[in-house]
PDB file of all heavy atoms in Angstrom:
ATOM      1  N   GLU A   1       4.324   1.255  12.593  1.00  0.00           N
ATOM      2  CA  GLU A   1       4.372   1.650  14.017  1.00  0.00           C
ATOM      3  C   GLU A   1       5.275   2.888  14.178  1.00  0.00           C
ATOM      4  O   GLU A   1       5.007   3.766  14.997  1.00  0.00           O
ATOM      5  CB  GLU A   1       4.941   0.462  14.840  1.00  0.00           C
ATOM      6  CG  GLU A   1       4.998   0.748  16.314  1.00  0.00           C
ATOM      7  CD  GLU A   1       5.508  -0.427  17.125  1.00  0.00           C
ATOM      8  OE1 GLU A   1       5.723  -1.502  16.507  1.00  0.00           O
ATOM      9  OE2 GLU A   1       5.704  -0.285  18.309  1.00  0.00           O
ATOM     10  N   LYS A   2       6.374   2.937  13.427  1.00  0.00           N
ATOM     11  CA  LYS A   2       7.322   4.045  13.554  1.00  0.00           C
ATOM     12  C   LYS A   2       6.718   5.366  13.042  1.00  0.00           C
ATOM     13  O   LYS A   2       7.042   6.431  13.563  1.00  0.00           O
ATOM     14  CB  LYS A   2       8.586   3.726  12.732  1.00  0.00           C
ATOM     15  CG  LYS A   2       9.650   4.782  12.711  1.00  0.00           C
ATOM     16  CD  LYS A   2      10.384   4.915  14.028  1.00  0.00           C
ATOM     17  CE  LYS A   2      11.526   5.901  13.900  1.00  0.00           C
ATOM     18  NZ  LYS A   2      12.269   6.058  15.170  1.00  0.00           N
ATOM     19  N   PHE A   3       5.807   5.267  12.037  1.00  0.00           N
ATOM     20  CA  PHE A   3       5.262   6.484  11.444  1.00  0.00           C
ATOM     21  C   PHE A   3       3.721   6.409  11.491  1.00  0.00           C
ATOM     22  O   PHE A   3       3.082   6.293  10.430  1.00  0.00           O
ATOM     23  CB  PHE A   3       5.758   6.653  10.024  1.00  0.00           C
ATOM     24  CG  PHE A   3       7.282   6.630   9.881  1.00  0.00           C
ATOM     25  CD1 PHE A   3       7.928   5.517   9.399  1.00  0.00           C
ATOM     26  CD2 PHE A   3       8.047   7.695  10.308  1.00  0.00           C
ATOM     27  CE1 PHE A   3       9.323   5.453   9.326  1.00  0.00           C
ATOM     28  CE2 PHE A   3       9.438   7.691  10.233  1.00  0.00           C
ATOM     29  CZ  PHE A   3      10.063   6.569   9.754  1.00  0.00           C
ATOM     30  N   PRO A   4       3.161   6.501  12.672  1.00  0.00           N
ATOM     31  CA  PRO A   4       1.710   6.296  12.830  1.00  0.00           C
ATOM     32  C   PRO A   4       0.871   7.397  12.161  1.00  0.00           C
ATOM     33  O   PRO A   4      -0.330   7.161  11.904  1.00  0.00           O
ATOM     34  CB  PRO A   4       1.521   6.316  14.339  1.00  0.00           C
ATOM     35  CG  PRO A   4       2.680   7.070  14.875  1.00  0.00           C
ATOM     36  CD  PRO A   4       3.821   6.758  13.971  1.00  0.00           C
ATOM     37  N   HIS A   5       1.467   8.545  11.918  1.00  0.00           N
ATOM     38  CA  HIS A   5       0.688   9.644  11.305  1.00  0.00           C
ATOM     39  C   HIS A   5       0.799   9.677   9.786  1.00  0.00           C
ATOM     40  O   HIS A   5       0.271  10.572   9.152  1.00  0.00           O
ATOM     41  CB  HIS A   5       1.157  10.996  11.900  1.00  0.00           C
ATOM     42  CG  HIS A   5       1.059  11.075  13.384  1.00  0.00           C
ATOM     43  ND1 HIS A   5      -0.168  10.961  14.051  1.00  0.00           N
ATOM     44  CD2 HIS A   5       1.968  11.212  14.362  1.00  0.00           C
ATOM     45  CE1 HIS A   5       0.021  11.068  15.334  1.00  0.00           C
ATOM     46  NE2 HIS A   5       1.311  11.220  15.581  1.00  0.00           N
ATOM     47  N   CYS A   6       1.488   8.696   9.247  1.00  0.00           N
ATOM     48  CA  CYS A   6       1.589   8.552   7.770  1.00  0.00           C
ATOM     49  C   CYS A   6       0.777   7.330   7.338  1.00  0.00           C
ATOM     50  O   CYS A   6       0.642   6.362   8.081  1.00  0.00           O
ATOM     51  CB  CYS A   6       3.054   8.331   7.353  1.00  0.00           C
ATOM     52  SG  CYS A   6       4.127   9.727   7.585  1.00  0.00           S
ATOM     53  N   THR A   7       0.284   7.420   6.158  1.00  0.00           N
ATOM     54  CA  THR A   7      -0.338   6.240   5.520  1.00  0.00           C
ATOM     55  C   THR A   7       0.763   5.446   4.842  1.00  0.00           C
ATOM     56  O   THR A   7       1.603   6.023   4.156  1.00  0.00           O
ATOM     57  CB  THR A   7      -1.413   6.639   4.521  1.00  0.00           C
ATOM     58  OG1 THR A   7      -2.411   7.420   5.189  1.00  0.00           O
ATOM     59  CG2 THR A   7      -2.067   5.405   3.886  1.00  0.00           C
ATOM     60  N   ILE A   8       0.778   4.131   5.021  1.00  0.00           N
ATOM     61  CA  ILE A   8       1.680   3.255   4.311  1.00  0.00           C
ATOM     62  C   ILE A   8       0.878   2.637   3.173  1.00  0.00           C
ATOM     63  O   ILE A   8      -0.059   1.852   3.417  1.00  0.00           O
ATOM     64  CB  ILE A   8       2.252   2.144   5.198  1.00  0.00           C
ATOM     65  CG1 ILE A   8       2.753   2.721   6.549  1.00  0.00           C
ATOM     66  CG2 ILE A   8       3.345   1.391   4.474  1.00  0.00           C
ATOM     67  CD1 ILE A   8       3.908   3.652   6.426  1.00  0.00           C
ATOM     68  N   VAL A   9       1.211   2.938   1.945  1.00  0.00           N
ATOM     69  CA  VAL A   9       0.516   2.397   0.782  1.00  0.00           C
ATOM     70  C   VAL A   9       1.363   1.317   0.159  1.00  0.00           C
ATOM     71  O   VAL A   9       2.466   1.605  -0.324  1.00  0.00           O
ATOM     72  CB  VAL A   9       0.197   3.477  -0.246  1.00  0.00           C
ATOM     73  CG1 VAL A   9      -0.492   2.865  -1.487  1.00  0.00           C
ATOM     74  CG2 VAL A   9      -0.678   4.580   0.333  1.00  0.00           C
ATOM     75  N   ILE A  10       0.886   0.081   0.185  1.00  0.00           N
ATOM     76  CA  ILE A  10       1.575  -1.023  -0.490  1.00  0.00           C
ATOM     77  C   ILE A  10       0.957  -1.154  -1.864  1.00  0.00           C
ATOM     78  O   ILE A  10      -0.235  -1.358  -2.012  1.00  0.00           O
ATOM     79  CB  ILE A  10       1.456  -2.315   0.285  1.00  0.00           C
ATOM     80  CG1 ILE A  10       1.978  -2.182   1.696  1.00  0.00           C
ATOM     81  CG2 ILE A  10       2.169  -3.461  -0.466  1.00  0.00           C
ATOM     82  CD1 ILE A  10       1.788  -3.440   2.571  1.00  0.00           C
ATOM     83  N   ARG A  11       1.819  -1.025  -2.892  1.00  0.00           N
ATOM     84  CA  ARG A  11       1.357  -1.144  -4.299  1.00  0.00           C
ATOM     85  C   ARG A  11       2.058  -2.346  -4.900  1.00  0.00           C
ATOM     86  O   ARG A  11       3.160  -2.273  -5.389  1.00  0.00           O
ATOM     87  CB  ARG A  11       1.708   0.142  -5.056  1.00  0.00           C
ATOM     88  CG  ARG A  11       1.267   0.143  -6.511  1.00  0.00           C
ATOM     89  CD  ARG A  11       1.723   1.419  -7.215  1.00  0.00           C
ATOM     90  NE  ARG A  11       1.593   1.299  -8.648  1.00  0.00           N
ATOM     91  CZ  ARG A  11       0.547   1.758  -9.362  1.00  0.00           C
ATOM     92  NH1 ARG A  11      -0.448   2.385  -8.713  1.00  0.00           N
ATOM     93  NH2 ARG A  11       0.489   1.649 -10.658  1.00  0.00           N
ATOM     94  N   PRO A  12       1.410  -3.504  -4.886  1.00  0.00           N
ATOM     95  CA  PRO A  12       2.032  -4.734  -5.450  1.00  0.00           C
ATOM     96  C   PRO A  12       2.224  -4.609  -6.964  1.00  0.00           C
ATOM     97  O   PRO A  12       1.487  -3.858  -7.626  1.00  0.00           O
ATOM     98  CB  PRO A  12       1.074  -5.842  -5.070  1.00  0.00           C
ATOM     99  CG  PRO A  12       0.234  -5.270  -3.947  1.00  0.00           C
ATOM    100  CD  PRO A  12       0.123  -3.819  -4.280  1.00  0.00           C
ATOM    101  N   HIS A  13       3.114  -5.396  -7.478  1.00  0.00           N
ATOM    102  CA  HIS A  13       3.282  -5.522  -8.941  1.00  0.00           C
ATOM    103  C   HIS A  13       1.970  -5.948  -9.541  1.00  0.00           C
ATOM    104  O   HIS A  13       1.183  -6.712  -8.930  1.00  0.00           O
ATOM    105  CB  HIS A  13       4.379  -6.578  -9.210  1.00  0.00           C
ATOM    106  CG  HIS A  13       4.735  -6.719 -10.640  1.00  0.00           C
ATOM    107  ND1 HIS A  13       4.010  -7.517 -11.496  1.00  0.00           N
ATOM    108  CD2 HIS A  13       5.715  -6.176 -11.386  1.00  0.00           C
ATOM    109  CE1 HIS A  13       4.531  -7.462 -12.708  1.00  0.00           C
ATOM    110  NE2 HIS A  13       5.563  -6.625 -12.677  1.00  0.00           N
ATOM    111  N   PRO A  14       1.653  -5.529 -10.785  1.00  0.00           N
ATOM    112  CA  PRO A  14       0.378  -5.892 -11.419  1.00  0.00           C
ATOM    113  C   PRO A  14       0.098  -7.396 -11.486  1.00  0.00           C
ATOM    114  O   PRO A  14      -1.065  -7.782 -11.469  1.00  0.00           O
ATOM    115  CB  PRO A  14       0.514  -5.302 -12.799  1.00  0.00           C
ATOM    116  CG  PRO A  14       1.473  -4.188 -12.696  1.00  0.00           C
ATOM    117  CD  PRO A  14       2.418  -4.586 -11.647  1.00  0.00           C
ATOM    118  N   GLY A  15       1.160  -8.207 -11.528  1.00  0.00           N
ATOM    119  CA  GLY A  15       0.957  -9.642 -11.605  1.00  0.00           C
ATOM    120  C   GLY A  15       0.836 -10.351 -10.271  1.00  0.00           C
ATOM    121  O   GLY A  15       0.622 -11.552 -10.195  1.00  0.00           O
ATOM    122  N   GLU A  16       0.974  -9.567  -9.172  1.00  0.00           N
ATOM    123  CA  GLU A  16       0.993 -10.199  -7.826  1.00  0.00           C
ATOM    124  C   GLU A  16      -0.408 -10.372  -7.259  1.00  0.00           C
ATOM    125  O   GLU A  16      -1.334  -9.596  -7.551  1.00  0.00           O
ATOM    126  CB  GLU A  16       1.814  -9.329  -6.870  1.00  0.00           C
ATOM    127  CG  GLU A  16       3.276  -9.536  -6.913  1.00  0.00           C
ATOM    128  CD  GLU A  16       3.973  -8.867  -5.722  1.00  0.00           C
ATOM    129  OE1 GLU A  16       3.782  -9.322  -4.576  1.00  0.00           O
ATOM    130  OE2 GLU A  16       4.731  -7.917  -5.931  1.00  0.00           O
ATOM    131  N   SER A  17      -0.519 -11.351  -6.373  1.00  0.00           N
ATOM    132  CA  SER A  17      -1.707 -11.497  -5.552  1.00  0.00           C
ATOM    133  C   SER A  17      -1.693 -10.420  -4.439  1.00  0.00           C
ATOM    134  O   SER A  17      -0.611 -10.134  -3.873  1.00  0.00           O
ATOM    135  CB  SER A  17      -1.744 -12.876  -4.893  1.00  0.00           C
ATOM    136  OG  SER A  17      -2.733 -12.967  -3.913  1.00  0.00           O
ATOM    137  N   LEU A  18      -2.818  -9.866  -4.154  1.00  0.00           N
ATOM    138  CA  LEU A  18      -2.906  -8.872  -3.079  1.00  0.00           C
ATOM    139  C   LEU A  18      -3.044  -9.493  -1.683  1.00  0.00           C
ATOM    140  O   LEU A  18      -2.810  -8.831  -0.680  1.00  0.00           O
ATOM    141  CB  LEU A  18      -4.080  -7.926  -3.320  1.00  0.00           C
ATOM    142  CG  LEU A  18      -4.181  -7.183  -4.650  1.00  0.00           C
ATOM    143  CD1 LEU A  18      -5.358  -6.219  -4.637  1.00  0.00           C
ATOM    144  CD2 LEU A  18      -2.864  -6.407  -4.912  1.00  0.00           C
ATOM    145  N   LYS A  19      -3.446 -10.749  -1.645  1.00  0.00           N
ATOM    146  CA  LYS A  19      -3.896 -11.370  -0.367  1.00  0.00           C
ATOM    147  C   LYS A  19      -2.835 -11.299   0.738  1.00  0.00           C
ATOM    148  O   LYS A  19      -3.104 -10.946   1.831  1.00  0.00           O
ATOM    149  CB  LYS A  19      -4.313 -12.820  -0.588  1.00  0.00           C
ATOM    150  CG  LYS A  19      -4.905 -13.454   0.679  1.00  0.00           C
ATOM    151  CD  LYS A  19      -5.366 -14.869   0.436  1.00  0.00           C
ATOM    152  CE  LYS A  19      -6.031 -15.454   1.679  1.00  0.00           C
ATOM    153  NZ  LYS A  19      -5.173 -15.362   2.871  1.00  0.00           N
ATOM    154  N   VAL A  20      -1.578 -11.709   0.386  1.00  0.00           N
ATOM    155  CA  VAL A  20      -0.537 -11.710   1.425  1.00  0.00           C
ATOM    156  C   VAL A  20      -0.348 -10.321   2.014  1.00  0.00           C
ATOM    157  O   VAL A  20      -0.164 -10.184   3.253  1.00  0.00           O
ATOM    158  CB  VAL A  20       0.776 -12.273   0.863  1.00  0.00           C
ATOM    159  CG1 VAL A  20       1.364 -11.377  -0.212  1.00  0.00           C
ATOM    160  CG2 VAL A  20       1.816 -12.458   2.001  1.00  0.00           C
ATOM    161  N   TRP A  21      -0.446  -9.303   1.187  1.00  0.00           N
ATOM    162  CA  TRP A  21      -0.264  -7.930   1.696  1.00  0.00           C
ATOM    163  C   TRP A  21      -1.499  -7.444   2.459  1.00  0.00           C
ATOM    164  O   TRP A  21      -1.378  -6.729   3.439  1.00  0.00           O
ATOM    165  CB  TRP A  21       0.040  -6.992   0.501  1.00  0.00           C
ATOM    166  CG  TRP A  21       1.264  -7.406  -0.261  1.00  0.00           C
ATOM    167  CD1 TRP A  21       1.290  -7.875  -1.527  1.00  0.00           C
ATOM    168  CD2 TRP A  21       2.617  -7.432   0.202  1.00  0.00           C
ATOM    169  NE1 TRP A  21       2.599  -8.200  -1.911  1.00  0.00           N
ATOM    170  CE2 TRP A  21       3.420  -7.922  -0.856  1.00  0.00           C
ATOM    171  CE3 TRP A  21       3.212  -7.086   1.439  1.00  0.00           C
ATOM    172  CZ2 TRP A  21       4.791  -8.077  -0.746  1.00  0.00           C
ATOM    173  CZ3 TRP A  21       4.604  -7.228   1.527  1.00  0.00           C
ATOM    174  CH2 TRP A  21       5.353  -7.728   0.480  1.00  0.00           C
ATOM    175  N   GLN A  22      -2.675  -7.844   1.999  1.00  0.00           N
ATOM    176  CA  GLN A  22      -3.899  -7.495   2.686  1.00  0.00           C
ATOM    177  C   GLN A  22      -3.947  -8.135   4.105  1.00  0.00           C
ATOM    178  O   GLN A  22      -4.435  -7.523   5.034  1.00  0.00           O
ATOM    179  CB  GLN A  22      -5.119  -7.914   1.888  1.00  0.00           C
ATOM    180  CG  GLN A  22      -5.294  -7.078   0.611  1.00  0.00           C
ATOM    181  CD  GLN A  22      -6.359  -7.643  -0.314  1.00  0.00           C
ATOM    182  OE1 GLN A  22      -6.658  -8.816  -0.305  1.00  0.00           O
ATOM    183  NE2 GLN A  22      -6.907  -6.769  -1.182  1.00  0.00           N
ATOM    184  N   ASP A  23      -3.442  -9.349   4.179  1.00  0.00           N
ATOM    185  CA  ASP A  23      -3.382 -10.023   5.486  1.00  0.00           C
ATOM    186  C   ASP A  23      -2.473  -9.257   6.458  1.00  0.00           C
ATOM    187  O   ASP A  23      -2.789  -9.130   7.661  1.00  0.00           O
ATOM    188  CB  ASP A  23      -2.865 -11.454   5.350  1.00  0.00           C
ATOM    189  CG  ASP A  23      -3.846 -12.359   4.675  1.00  0.00           C
ATOM    190  OD1 ASP A  23      -5.084 -11.968   4.592  1.00  0.00           O
ATOM    191  OD2 ASP A  23      -3.474 -13.468   4.219  1.00  0.00           O
ATOM    192  N   ILE A  24      -1.377  -8.740   5.953  1.00  0.00           N
ATOM    193  CA  ILE A  24      -0.472  -7.967   6.779  1.00  0.00           C
ATOM    194  C   ILE A  24      -1.105  -6.624   7.160  1.00  0.00           C
ATOM    195  O   ILE A  24      -1.021  -6.186   8.294  1.00  0.00           O
ATOM    196  CB  ILE A  24       0.876  -7.736   6.050  1.00  0.00           C
ATOM    197  CG1 ILE A  24       1.619  -9.043   5.916  1.00  0.00           C
ATOM    198  CG2 ILE A  24       1.724  -6.686   6.763  1.00  0.00           C
ATOM    199  CD1 ILE A  24       2.827  -8.976   4.979  1.00  0.00           C
ATOM    200  N   ALA A  25      -1.761  -5.984   6.194  1.00  0.00           N
ATOM    201  CA  ALA A  25      -2.372  -4.673   6.411  1.00  0.00           C
ATOM    202  C   ALA A  25      -3.505  -4.738   7.428  1.00  0.00           C
ATOM    203  O   ALA A  25      -3.786  -3.757   8.129  1.00  0.00           O
ATOM    204  CB  ALA A  25      -2.886  -4.084   5.097  1.00  0.00           C
ATOM    205  N   ARG A  26      -4.133  -5.889   7.534  1.00  0.00           N
ATOM    206  CA  ARG A  26      -5.271  -6.017   8.437  1.00  0.00           C
ATOM    207  C   ARG A  26      -4.902  -5.740   9.882  1.00  0.00           C
ATOM    208  O   ARG A  26      -5.746  -5.287  10.720  1.00  0.00           O
ATOM    209  CB  ARG A  26      -5.830  -7.463   8.308  1.00  0.00           C
ATOM    210  CG  ARG A  26      -7.254  -7.627   8.843  1.00  0.00           C
ATOM    211  CD  ARG A  26      -7.796  -8.986   8.466  1.00  0.00           C
ATOM    212  NE  ARG A  26      -8.051  -9.062   7.029  1.00  0.00           N
ATOM    213  CZ  ARG A  26      -7.491  -9.939   6.232  1.00  0.00           C
ATOM    214  NH1 ARG A  26      -6.620 -10.833   6.714  1.00  0.00           N
ATOM    215  NH2 ARG A  26      -7.750  -9.981   4.939  1.00  0.00           N
ATOM    216  N   ASP A  27      -3.642  -5.952  10.231  1.00  0.00           N
ATOM    217  CA  ASP A  27      -3.206  -5.738  11.619  1.00  0.00           C
ATOM    218  C   ASP A  27      -2.558  -4.379  11.807  1.00  0.00           C
ATOM    219  O   ASP A  27      -2.038  -4.091  12.898  1.00  0.00           O
ATOM    220  CB  ASP A  27      -2.190  -6.850  11.998  1.00  0.00           C
ATOM    221  CG  ASP A  27      -2.839  -8.248  11.994  1.00  0.00           C
ATOM    222  OD1 ASP A  27      -4.008  -8.341  12.373  1.00  0.00           O
ATOM    223  OD2 ASP A  27      -2.128  -9.184  11.617  1.00  0.00           O
ATOM    224  N   CYS A  28      -2.552  -3.532  10.782  1.00  0.00           N
ATOM    225  CA  CYS A  28      -1.925  -2.215  10.851  1.00  0.00           C
ATOM    226  C   CYS A  28      -2.944  -1.151  10.372  1.00  0.00           C
ATOM    227  O   CYS A  28      -3.324  -1.141   9.206  1.00  0.00           O
ATOM    228  CB  CYS A  28      -0.664  -2.163   9.995  1.00  0.00           C
ATOM    229  SG  CYS A  28       0.534  -3.459  10.314  1.00  0.00           S
ATOM    230  N   LYS A  29      -3.391  -0.309  11.306  1.00  0.00           N
ATOM    231  CA  LYS A  29      -4.513   0.600  10.949  1.00  0.00           C
ATOM    232  C   LYS A  29      -4.141   1.639   9.915  1.00  0.00           C
ATOM    233  O   LYS A  29      -5.009   2.199   9.270  1.00  0.00           O
ATOM    234  CB  LYS A  29      -5.011   1.295  12.226  1.00  0.00           C
ATOM    235  CG  LYS A  29      -3.974   2.174  12.917  1.00  0.00           C
ATOM    236  CD  LYS A  29      -4.571   2.825  14.173  1.00  0.00           C
ATOM    237  CE  LYS A  29      -3.558   3.743  14.817  1.00  0.00           C
ATOM    238  NZ  LYS A  29      -4.099   4.417  16.049  1.00  0.00           N
ATOM    239  N   ASN A  30      -2.824   1.894   9.718  1.00  0.00           N
ATOM    240  CA  ASN A  30      -2.438   2.967   8.763  1.00  0.00           C
ATOM    241  C   ASN A  30      -1.802   2.376   7.500  1.00  0.00           C
ATOM    242  O   ASN A  30      -1.077   3.047   6.782  1.00  0.00           O
ATOM    243  CB  ASN A  30      -1.476   3.956   9.410  1.00  0.00           C
ATOM    244  CG  ASN A  30      -0.220   3.322   9.944  1.00  0.00           C
ATOM    245  OD1 ASN A  30      -0.193   2.180  10.357  1.00  0.00           O
ATOM    246  ND2 ASN A  30       0.884   4.069   9.974  1.00  0.00           N
ATOM    247  N   VAL A  31      -2.074   1.104   7.202  1.00  0.00           N
ATOM    248  CA  VAL A  31      -1.567   0.447   5.995  1.00  0.00           C
ATOM    249  C   VAL A  31      -2.720   0.098   5.054  1.00  0.00           C
ATOM    250  O   VAL A  31      -3.706  -0.472   5.488  1.00  0.00           O
ATOM    251  CB  VAL A  31      -0.762  -0.813   6.334  1.00  0.00           C
ATOM    252  CG1 VAL A  31      -0.286  -1.530   5.095  1.00  0.00           C
ATOM    253  CG2 VAL A  31       0.406  -0.501   7.236  1.00  0.00           C
ATOM    254  N   VAL A  32      -2.565   0.460   3.813  1.00  0.00           N
ATOM    255  CA  VAL A  32      -3.558   0.115   2.761  1.00  0.00           C
ATOM    256  C   VAL A  32      -2.822  -0.573   1.617  1.00  0.00           C
ATOM    257  O   VAL A  32      -1.644  -0.302   1.369  1.00  0.00           O
ATOM    258  CB  VAL A  32      -4.343   1.316   2.286  1.00  0.00           C
ATOM    259  CG1 VAL A  32      -5.185   1.939   3.355  1.00  0.00           C
ATOM    260  CG2 VAL A  32      -3.397   2.368   1.665  1.00  0.00           C
ATOM    261  N   VAL A  33      -3.530  -1.451   0.949  1.00  0.00           N
ATOM    262  CA  VAL A  33      -3.009  -2.160  -0.212  1.00  0.00           C
ATOM    263  C   VAL A  33      -3.828  -1.769  -1.428  1.00  0.00           C
ATOM    264  O   VAL A  33      -5.025  -1.995  -1.513  1.00  0.00           O
ATOM    265  CB  VAL A  33      -3.092  -3.699  -0.021  1.00  0.00           C
ATOM    266  CG1 VAL A  33      -2.493  -4.416  -1.227  1.00  0.00           C
ATOM    267  CG2 VAL A  33      -2.343  -4.124   1.268  1.00  0.00           C
ATOM    268  N   LEU A  34      -3.139  -1.093  -2.400  1.00  0.00           N
ATOM    269  CA  LEU A  34      -3.836  -0.602  -3.558  1.00  0.00           C
ATOM    270  C   LEU A  34      -2.995  -0.749  -4.795  1.00  0.00           C
ATOM    271  O   LEU A  34      -1.773  -0.656  -4.711  1.00  0.00           O
ATOM    272  CB  LEU A  34      -4.145   0.925  -3.366  1.00  0.00           C
ATOM    273  CG  LEU A  34      -5.076   1.334  -2.243  1.00  0.00           C
ATOM    274  CD1 LEU A  34      -5.020   2.859  -2.079  1.00  0.00           C
ATOM    275  CD2 LEU A  34      -6.501   0.899  -2.553  1.00  0.00           C
ATOM    276  N   HIS A  35      -3.644  -1.001  -5.887  1.00  0.00           N
ATOM    277  CA  HIS A  35      -2.961  -0.914  -7.194  1.00  0.00           C
ATOM    278  C   HIS A  35      -3.962  -0.205  -8.108  1.00  0.00           C
ATOM    279  O   HIS A  35      -4.781  -0.850  -8.797  1.00  0.00           O
ATOM    280  CB  HIS A  35      -2.571  -2.257  -7.753  1.00  0.00           C
ATOM    281  CG  HIS A  35      -1.663  -2.117  -8.924  1.00  0.00           C
ATOM    282  ND1 HIS A  35      -0.291  -2.336  -8.873  1.00  0.00           N
ATOM    283  CD2 HIS A  35      -1.892  -1.737 -10.198  1.00  0.00           C
ATOM    284  CE1 HIS A  35       0.252  -2.082 -10.045  1.00  0.00           C
ATOM    285  NE2 HIS A  35      -0.677  -1.713 -10.879  1.00  0.00           N
ATOM    286  N   GLU A  36      -3.868   1.106  -8.164  1.00  0.00           N
ATOM    287  CA  GLU A  36      -4.812   1.914  -8.928  1.00  0.00           C
ATOM    288  C   GLU A  36      -4.076   2.853  -9.870  1.00  0.00           C
ATOM    289  O   GLU A  36      -3.183   3.611  -9.399  1.00  0.00           O
ATOM    290  CB  GLU A  36      -5.683   2.742  -7.981  1.00  0.00           C
ATOM    291  CG  GLU A  36      -6.522   1.912  -6.991  1.00  0.00           C
ATOM    292  CD  GLU A  36      -7.287   2.788  -5.997  1.00  0.00           C
ATOM    293  OE1 GLU A  36      -7.008   4.003  -5.979  1.00  0.00           O
ATOM    294  OE2 GLU A  36      -8.126   2.235  -5.294  1.00  0.00           O
ATOM    295  N   GLY A  37      -4.417   2.881 -11.104  1.00  0.00           N
ATOM    296  CA  GLY A  37      -3.891   3.850 -12.028  1.00  0.00           C
ATOM    297  C   GLY A  37      -2.391   3.704 -12.274  1.00  0.00           C
ATOM    298  O   GLY A  37      -1.734   2.829 -11.730  1.00  0.00           O
ATOM    299  N   PRO A  38      -1.851   4.590 -13.154  1.00  0.00           N
ATOM    300  CA  PRO A  38      -0.442   4.554 -13.443  1.00  0.00           C
ATOM    301  C   PRO A  38       0.389   4.933 -12.227  1.00  0.00           C
ATOM    302  O   PRO A  38      -0.083   5.642 -11.297  1.00  0.00           O
ATOM    303  CB  PRO A  38      -0.295   5.602 -14.554  1.00  0.00           C
ATOM    304  CG  PRO A  38      -1.480   6.492 -14.414  1.00  0.00           C
ATOM    305  CD  PRO A  38      -2.584   5.615 -13.888  1.00  0.00           C
ATOM    306  N   VAL A  39       1.648   4.496 -12.194  1.00  0.00           N
ATOM    307  CA  VAL A  39       2.465   4.667 -11.009  1.00  0.00           C
ATOM    308  C   VAL A  39       3.016   6.104 -10.920  1.00  0.00           C
ATOM    309  O   VAL A  39       3.362   6.582  -9.827  1.00  0.00           O
ATOM    310  CB  VAL A  39       3.657   3.673 -11.041  1.00  0.00           C
ATOM    311  CG1 VAL A  39       4.714   4.040 -12.065  1.00  0.00           C
ATOM    312  CG2 VAL A  39       4.291   3.558  -9.630  1.00  0.00           C
ATOM    313  N   GLN A  40       3.086   6.859 -12.029  1.00  0.00           N
ATOM    314  CA  GLN A  40       3.723   8.176 -12.020  1.00  0.00           C
ATOM    315  C   GLN A  40       3.132   9.093 -10.947  1.00  0.00           C
ATOM    316  O   GLN A  40       3.887   9.720 -10.176  1.00  0.00           O
ATOM    317  CB  GLN A  40       3.652   8.814 -13.399  1.00  0.00           C
ATOM    318  CG  GLN A  40       4.519   8.137 -14.456  1.00  0.00           C
ATOM    319  CD  GLN A  40       3.786   7.057 -15.195  1.00  0.00           C
ATOM    320  OE1 GLN A  40       2.777   6.488 -14.713  1.00  0.00           O
ATOM    321  NE2 GLN A  40       4.262   6.694 -16.398  1.00  0.00           N
ATOM    322  N   PRO A  41       1.813   9.305 -10.883  1.00  0.00           N
ATOM    323  CA  PRO A  41       1.280  10.217  -9.863  1.00  0.00           C
ATOM    324  C   PRO A  41       1.545   9.753  -8.460  1.00  0.00           C
ATOM    325  O   PRO A  41       1.755  10.558  -7.521  1.00  0.00           O
ATOM    326  CB  PRO A  41      -0.223  10.290 -10.162  1.00  0.00           C
ATOM    327  CG  PRO A  41      -0.526   9.142 -11.065  1.00  0.00           C
ATOM    328  CD  PRO A  41       0.738   8.837 -11.820  1.00  0.00           C
ATOM    329  N   TRP A  42       1.573   8.446  -8.242  1.00  0.00           N
ATOM    330  CA  TRP A  42       1.919   7.900  -6.886  1.00  0.00           C
ATOM    331  C   TRP A  42       3.341   8.273  -6.516  1.00  0.00           C
ATOM    332  O   TRP A  42       3.622   8.659  -5.354  1.00  0.00           O
ATOM    333  CB  TRP A  42       1.743   6.387  -6.886  1.00  0.00           C
ATOM    334  CG  TRP A  42       0.312   5.939  -6.956  1.00  0.00           C
ATOM    335  CD1 TRP A  42      -0.378   5.644  -8.088  1.00  0.00           C
ATOM    336  CD2 TRP A  42      -0.572   5.780  -5.866  1.00  0.00           C
ATOM    337  NE1 TRP A  42      -1.649   5.274  -7.770  1.00  0.00           N
ATOM    338  CE2 TRP A  42      -1.811   5.333  -6.405  1.00  0.00           C
ATOM    339  CE3 TRP A  42      -0.471   5.925  -4.486  1.00  0.00           C
ATOM    340  CZ2 TRP A  42      -2.937   5.067  -5.612  1.00  0.00           C
ATOM    341  CZ3 TRP A  42      -1.583   5.651  -3.661  1.00  0.00           C
ATOM    342  CH2 TRP A  42      -2.792   5.228  -4.257  1.00  0.00           C
ATOM    343  N   LEU A  43       4.262   8.178  -7.456  1.00  0.00           N
ATOM    344  CA  LEU A  43       5.641   8.512  -7.178  1.00  0.00           C
ATOM    345  C   LEU A  43       5.842  10.000  -6.949  1.00  0.00           C
ATOM    346  O   LEU A  43       6.639  10.447  -6.108  1.00  0.00           O
ATOM    347  CB  LEU A  43       6.529   8.083  -8.331  1.00  0.00           C
ATOM    348  CG  LEU A  43       6.679   6.566  -8.535  1.00  0.00           C
ATOM    349  CD1 LEU A  43       7.324   6.219  -9.886  1.00  0.00           C
ATOM    350  CD2 LEU A  43       7.480   5.951  -7.373  1.00  0.00           C
ATOM    351  N   LEU A  44       5.046  10.832  -7.646  1.00  0.00           N
ATOM    352  CA  LEU A  44       5.154  12.268  -7.521  1.00  0.00           C
ATOM    353  C   LEU A  44       4.488  12.739  -6.216  1.00  0.00           C
ATOM    354  O   LEU A  44       4.867  13.766  -5.651  1.00  0.00           O
ATOM    355  CB  LEU A  44       4.463  12.971  -8.693  1.00  0.00           C
ATOM    356  CG  LEU A  44       5.192  12.895 -10.040  1.00  0.00           C
ATOM    357  CD1 LEU A  44       4.268  13.269 -11.185  1.00  0.00           C
ATOM    358  CD2 LEU A  44       6.460  13.743 -10.028  1.00  0.00           C
ATOM    359  N   ALA A  45       3.517  11.976  -5.714  1.00  0.00           N
ATOM    360  CA  ALA A  45       2.779  12.403  -4.535  1.00  0.00           C
ATOM    361  C   ALA A  45       3.343  11.908  -3.246  1.00  0.00           C
ATOM    362  O   ALA A  45       3.114  12.497  -2.163  1.00  0.00           O
ATOM    363  CB  ALA A  45       1.275  11.967  -4.640  1.00  0.00           C
ATOM    364  N   CYS A  46       4.086  10.796  -3.243  1.00  0.00           N
ATOM    365  CA  CYS A  46       4.529  10.184  -1.990  1.00  0.00           C
ATOM    366  C   CYS A  46       5.671  10.998  -1.374  1.00  0.00           C
ATOM    367  O   CYS A  46       6.404  11.684  -2.002  1.00  0.00           O
ATOM    368  CB  CYS A  46       4.995   8.739  -2.253  1.00  0.00           C
ATOM    369  SG  CYS A  46       6.565   8.573  -3.146  1.00  0.00           S
TER     370      CYS A  46
END
């Protein structure tokens, strides 16, 4: 809500279930839950 013009990307630990985070993201239009590829480019891009 504070940063509506930014995308909030939740990247759970590889061993975590995504469901709890997906349930939260469902009510926030700018929140996505993803675990794709190595973390390095995500850290460099955020």
